[in-house]
Amino acid sequence: MATISFGDEELFSERPEWADVVPLEQYENINPLAPIFYTEEYKDATNYFRAIAKSGEKSRRVLELTESVISQNPAHYSAWQYRYETLLALLTASSPSGVISPSDPLLEAEIELMDVLAVRFLKTASSSSSHRSLDVDVKNYHTWSYRQWLLRLFRRQRR
């Protein structure tokens, strides 16, 4: 089930279930001329993401981690790609026949999460009385592409 929480999360470095992972700093052993100042939550999540990606781990906790990274930066293409690969690995592993069930709770949770993220990161929202612009990525193709892939997979398996 998707957690769909977007704030006040405990840092991954403070979670006992992540104690076995050694985070990889973005600027390890270098002193950049103009470093980007990220929030502590984002640095923490991306440091763990780099470590997980390097190790090749594909697990439910990786879905939790990539959800956190994506919710903080929906333009993090590597997190989207790694989430996709992780979801496929988990769905395939849970289906000995190789056919992914459209009622798989993991798939249903992922579709639910994509619905939430798609709405949350829409650039323009319309209402009958006004138009408002949200302060997010206008070309949010990665969210929409990933969601479309999920829906195509879901429908194909349902037939």
Protein backbone atom coordinates (compact mmCIF):
# COMPACT_ATOMS: atom_id res chain seq x y z
CA MET A 1 0.00 0.00 0.00
CA ALA A 2 1.28 3.46 -0.89
CA THR A 3 2.15 5.65 2.03
CA ILE A 4 1.31 8.92 0.27
CA SER A 5 2.75 11.12 2.99
CA PHE A 6 4.48 14.29 1.92
CA GLY A 7 5.83 15.95 5.00
CA ASP A 8 7.14 15.52 8.50
CA GLU A 9 8.77 12.22 7.63
CA GLU A 10 11.55 10.77 9.74
CA LEU A 11 14.94 10.92 8.04
CA PHE A 12 16.08 7.62 6.55
CA SER A 13 19.27 7.96 8.58
CA GLU A 14 17.14 7.81 11.74
CA ARG A 15 15.16 4.72 10.75
CA PRO A 16 16.36 1.39 12.14
CA GLU A 17 15.27 -0.49 9.00
CA TRP A 18 17.83 1.54 7.00
CA ALA A 19 20.76 0.98 9.39
CA ASP A 20 22.32 -1.56 7.01
CA VAL A 21 22.72 1.01 4.23
CA VAL A 22 25.69 3.36 4.07
CA PRO A 23 24.47 6.55 2.37
CA LEU A 24 26.47 8.00 -0.53
CA GLU A 25 26.97 11.75 -0.33
CA GLN A 26 26.52 13.72 -3.53
CA TYR A 27 29.67 15.74 -2.98
CA GLU A 28 31.81 12.98 -1.50
CA ASN A 29 35.50 13.93 -1.57
CA ILE A 30 34.91 17.08 -3.64
CA ASN A 31 34.37 20.71 -2.82
CA PRO A 32 32.04 22.17 -5.48
CA LEU A 33 32.43 25.79 -6.46
CA ALA A 34 28.69 26.44 -6.29
CA PRO A 35 26.93 23.66 -4.37
CA ILE A 36 23.19 23.35 -4.52
CA PHE A 37 21.61 23.73 -1.10
CA TYR A 38 19.01 21.01 -0.66
CA THR A 39 16.77 20.49 2.35
CA GLU A 40 18.06 18.05 4.94
CA GLU A 41 15.21 15.64 4.09
CA TYR A 42 16.05 15.67 0.38
CA LYS A 43 19.80 15.22 0.95
CA ASP A 44 19.10 12.33 3.30
CA ALA A 45 16.73 10.58 0.89
CA THR A 46 18.97 11.05 -2.16
CA ASN A 47 22.06 9.90 -0.25
CA TYR A 48 20.23 6.66 0.54
CA PHE A 49 18.89 6.48 -3.01
CA ARG A 50 22.41 6.64 -4.46
CA ALA A 51 23.52 3.85 -2.12
CA ILE A 52 20.54 1.66 -3.02
CA ALA A 53 20.96 2.26 -6.75
CA LYS A 54 24.66 1.35 -6.49
CA SER A 55 23.83 -1.87 -4.62
CA GLY A 56 21.03 -2.83 -7.04
CA GLU A 57 18.55 -3.57 -4.25
CA LYS A 58 14.95 -4.05 -5.40
CA SER A 59 12.58 -4.25 -2.43
CA ARG A 60 9.49 -2.70 -0.90
CA ARG A 61 11.62 -0.32 1.09
CA VAL A 62 13.10 0.92 -2.18
CA LEU A 63 9.57 1.85 -3.25
CA GLU A 64 9.24 3.82 -0.01
CA LEU A 65 12.55 5.55 -0.66
CA THR A 66 11.81 6.44 -4.28
CA GLU A 67 8.37 7.72 -3.24
CA SER A 68 10.07 10.08 -0.83
CA VAL A 69 12.59 11.30 -3.43
CA ILE A 70 9.89 11.77 -6.09
CA SER A 71 7.52 13.54 -3.71
CA GLN A 72 10.30 16.03 -2.94
CA ASN A 73 11.49 16.36 -6.54
CA PRO A 74 9.16 14.99 -9.23
CA ALA A 75 11.81 15.75 -11.88
CA HIS A 76 14.27 13.19 -10.44
CA TYR A 77 14.31 10.95 -13.50
CA SER A 78 16.66 8.37 -11.99
CA ALA A 79 14.29 7.83 -9.07
CA TRP A 80 11.38 7.27 -11.49
CA GLN A 81 13.41 4.77 -13.54
CA TYR A 82 14.63 2.90 -10.49
CA ARG A 83 11.10 2.80 -9.07
CA TYR A 84 9.86 1.32 -12.36
CA GLU A 85 12.58 -1.35 -12.33
CA THR A 86 11.90 -2.15 -8.67
CA LEU A 87 8.15 -2.43 -9.18
CA LEU A 88 8.62 -4.77 -12.16
CA ALA A 89 11.03 -6.94 -10.16
CA LEU A 90 8.65 -7.17 -7.20
CA LEU A 91 5.57 -7.83 -9.33
CA THR A 92 7.37 -10.51 -11.32
CA ALA A 93 8.74 -12.15 -8.18
CA SER A 94 5.26 -12.32 -6.64
CA SER A 95 3.89 -14.09 -9.71
CA PRO A 96 5.45 -17.52 -10.32
CA SER A 97 3.62 -17.84 -13.65
CA GLY A 98 5.05 -14.54 -14.87
CA VAL A 99 1.58 -13.09 -15.34
CA ILE A 100 1.04 -10.06 -13.14
CA SER A 101 -2.37 -10.04 -11.53
CA PRO A 102 -4.31 -6.78 -11.99
CA SER A 103 -5.53 -7.23 -8.43
CA ASP A 104 -2.01 -7.45 -7.00
CA PRO A 105 -2.08 -5.13 -3.97
CA LEU A 106 1.31 -3.70 -4.93
CA LEU A 107 0.05 -2.73 -8.38
CA GLU A 108 -3.17 -1.28 -7.00
CA ALA A 109 -1.21 0.77 -4.45
CA GLU A 110 1.09 2.04 -7.19
CA ILE A 111 -1.83 3.19 -9.33
CA GLU A 112 -3.35 4.91 -6.31
CA LEU A 113 -0.05 6.67 -5.61
CA MET A 114 0.29 7.77 -9.25
CA ASP A 115 -3.19 9.29 -9.11
CA VAL A 116 -2.19 11.28 -6.03
CA LEU A 117 1.15 12.37 -7.51
CA ALA A 118 -0.38 13.32 -10.85
CA VAL A 119 -2.85 15.63 -9.15
CA ARG A 120 -0.29 16.98 -6.70
CA PHE A 121 2.20 17.88 -9.41
CA LEU A 122 -0.16 19.23 -12.05
CA LYS A 123 1.07 22.57 -13.37
CA THR A 124 -2.34 24.07 -13.96
CA ALA A 125 -5.52 23.32 -12.11
CA SER A 126 -8.85 24.56 -13.43
CA SER A 127 -12.00 25.34 -11.59
CA SER A 128 -15.24 26.92 -12.79
CA SER A 129 -14.37 30.28 -11.30
CA SER A 130 -10.61 30.53 -11.64
CA HIS A 131 -7.37 29.17 -12.98
CA ARG A 132 -4.45 28.80 -10.67
CA SER A 133 -0.89 27.89 -11.37
CA LEU A 134 0.90 25.55 -9.01
CA ASP A 135 4.57 26.05 -8.34
CA VAL A 136 5.75 22.78 -9.89
CA ASP A 137 7.26 21.32 -13.07
CA VAL A 138 5.26 22.33 -16.15
CA LYS A 139 6.52 19.42 -18.23
CA ASN A 140 5.76 16.66 -15.80
CA TYR A 141 6.04 13.98 -18.48
CA HIS A 142 7.72 11.44 -16.21
CA THR A 143 4.75 11.32 -13.83
CA TRP A 144 2.26 10.99 -16.66
CA SER A 145 4.37 8.48 -18.62
CA TYR A 146 4.85 6.27 -15.59
CA ARG A 147 1.14 6.43 -14.76
CA GLN A 148 0.23 5.54 -18.37
CA TRP A 149 2.59 2.57 -18.28
CA LEU A 150 0.93 1.34 -15.08
CA LEU A 151 -2.55 1.68 -16.53
CA ARG A 152 -1.56 -0.10 -19.77
CA LEU A 153 0.00 -2.95 -17.78
CA PHE A 154 -3.03 -3.12 -15.50
CA ARG A 155 -5.49 -3.27 -18.42
CA ARG A 156 -3.40 -5.79 -20.39
CA GLN A 157 -3.27 -8.15 -17.41
CA ARG A 158 -6.99 -7.75 -16.76
CA ARG A 159 -7.94 -9.20 -20.20
